[in-house]
């Protein structure tokens, strides 16, 4: 969480937190961070991957 405070525009921090919450089984928190990630990521391949994760988690 500290990395987000220091560099809030660093997309990988949000993605990492999303993955961590997903592994813990906290879908709502995972989605929250994946959404934040998708708002700042500029790489199309990574955006496609996270959008697929979001769609899968939303069911």
C-alpha atoms as a PDB file:
ATOM      1  CA  UNK A   1       0.000   0.000   0.000  1.00  0.00           C
ATOM      2  CA  UNK A   2       2.894   2.363   0.675  1.00  0.00           C
ATOM      3  CA  UNK A   3       4.004   2.194  -2.964  1.00  0.00           C
ATOM      4  CA  UNK A   4       0.607   3.564  -4.005  1.00  0.00           C
ATOM      5  CA  UNK A   5       1.021   6.493  -1.640  1.00  0.00           C
ATOM      6  CA  UNK A   6       4.477   7.221  -3.027  1.00  0.00           C
ATOM      7  CA  UNK A   7       3.681   6.661  -6.713  1.00  0.00           C
ATOM      8  CA  UNK A   8      -0.085   6.637  -7.265  1.00  0.00           C
ATOM      9  CA  UNK A   9       0.314   6.461 -11.049  1.00  0.00           C
ATOM     10  CA  UNK A  10       2.316   3.200 -10.988  1.00  0.00           C
ATOM     11  CA  UNK A  11      -0.139   0.656 -12.442  1.00  0.00           C
ATOM     12  CA  UNK A  12       1.691  -2.503 -11.389  1.00  0.00           C
ATOM     13  CA  UNK A  13       1.131  -1.701  -7.693  1.00  0.00           C
ATOM     14  CA  UNK A  14      -2.637  -1.809  -8.227  1.00  0.00           C
ATOM     15  CA  UNK A  15      -2.389  -4.974 -10.291  1.00  0.00           C
ATOM     16  CA  UNK A  16      -0.287  -6.675  -7.598  1.00  0.00           C
ATOM     17  CA  UNK A  17      -2.773  -5.749  -4.898  1.00  0.00           C
ATOM     18  CA  UNK A  18      -5.607  -7.030  -7.069  1.00  0.00           C
ATOM     19  CA  UNK A  19      -3.820 -10.352  -7.489  1.00  0.00           C
ATOM     20  CA  UNK A  20      -3.102 -10.584  -3.754  1.00  0.00           C
ATOM     21  CA  UNK A  21      -6.745  -9.982  -2.830  1.00  0.00           C
ATOM     22  CA  UNK A  22      -7.883 -12.408  -5.512  1.00  0.00           C
ATOM     23  CA  UNK A  23      -5.618 -15.111  -4.057  1.00  0.00           C
ATOM     24  CA  UNK A  24      -7.029 -14.394  -0.590  1.00  0.00           C
ATOM     25  CA  UNK A  25     -10.531 -14.858  -1.960  1.00  0.00           C
ATOM     26  CA  UNK A  26     -11.582 -11.226  -1.491  1.00  0.00           C
ATOM     27  CA  UNK A  27     -13.200 -10.671  -4.870  1.00  0.00           C
ATOM     28  CA  UNK A  28     -14.601  -7.219  -4.151  1.00  0.00           C
ATOM     29  CA  UNK A  29     -11.205  -5.833  -3.088  1.00  0.00           C
ATOM     30  CA  UNK A  30      -9.517  -7.558  -6.037  1.00  0.00           C
ATOM     31  CA  UNK A  31     -11.985  -5.943  -8.422  1.00  0.00           C
ATOM     32  CA  UNK A  32     -11.464  -2.556  -6.784  1.00  0.00           C
ATOM     33  CA  UNK A  33      -7.730  -2.675  -7.477  1.00  0.00           C
ATOM     34  CA  UNK A  34      -8.121  -4.178 -10.943  1.00  0.00           C
ATOM     35  CA  UNK A  35     -10.475  -1.309 -11.852  1.00  0.00           C
ATOM     36  CA  UNK A  36      -7.965   1.238 -10.552  1.00  0.00           C
ATOM     37  CA  UNK A  37      -5.234  -0.508 -12.508  1.00  0.00           C
ATOM     38  CA  UNK A  38      -7.244  -0.491 -15.728  1.00  0.00           C
ATOM     39  CA  UNK A  39      -7.731   3.261 -15.381  1.00  0.00           C
ATOM     40  CA  UNK A  40      -4.013   4.022 -15.564  1.00  0.00           C
ATOM     41  CA  UNK A  41      -2.420   1.158 -17.528  1.00  0.00           C
ATOM     42  CA  UNK A  42      -1.421   2.107 -21.065  1.00  0.00           C
ATOM     43  CA  UNK A  43      -0.271  -1.277 -22.406  1.00  0.00           C
ATOM     44  CA  UNK A  44      -3.066  -2.828 -24.490  1.00  0.00           C
ATOM     45  CA  UNK A  45      -1.985  -6.421 -23.846  1.00  0.00           C
ATOM     46  CA  UNK A  46      -2.016  -5.896 -20.078  1.00  0.00           C
ATOM     47  CA  UNK A  47      -5.346  -4.082 -20.259  1.00  0.00           C
ATOM     48  CA  UNK A  48      -6.849  -6.990 -22.169  1.00  0.00           C
ATOM     49  CA  UNK A  49      -5.532  -9.433 -19.571  1.00  0.00           C
ATOM     50  CA  UNK A  50      -6.903  -7.493 -16.609  1.00  0.00           C
ATOM     51  CA  UNK A  51     -10.236  -6.893 -18.349  1.00  0.00           C
ATOM     52  CA  UNK A  52     -10.537 -10.662 -18.762  1.00  0.00           C
ATOM     53  CA  UNK A  53      -9.785 -11.108 -15.034  1.00  0.00           C
ATOM     54  CA  UNK A  54     -12.448  -8.529 -14.196  1.00  0.00           C
ATOM     55  CA  UNK A  55     -15.003 -10.246 -16.405  1.00  0.00           C
ATOM     56  CA  UNK A  56     -14.192 -13.645 -14.874  1.00  0.00           C
ATOM     57  CA  UNK A  57     -14.462 -12.313 -11.308  1.00  0.00           C
ATOM     58  CA  UNK A  58     -17.740 -10.550 -12.017  1.00  0.00           C
ATOM     59  CA  UNK A  59     -19.112 -13.868 -13.210  1.00  0.00           C
END
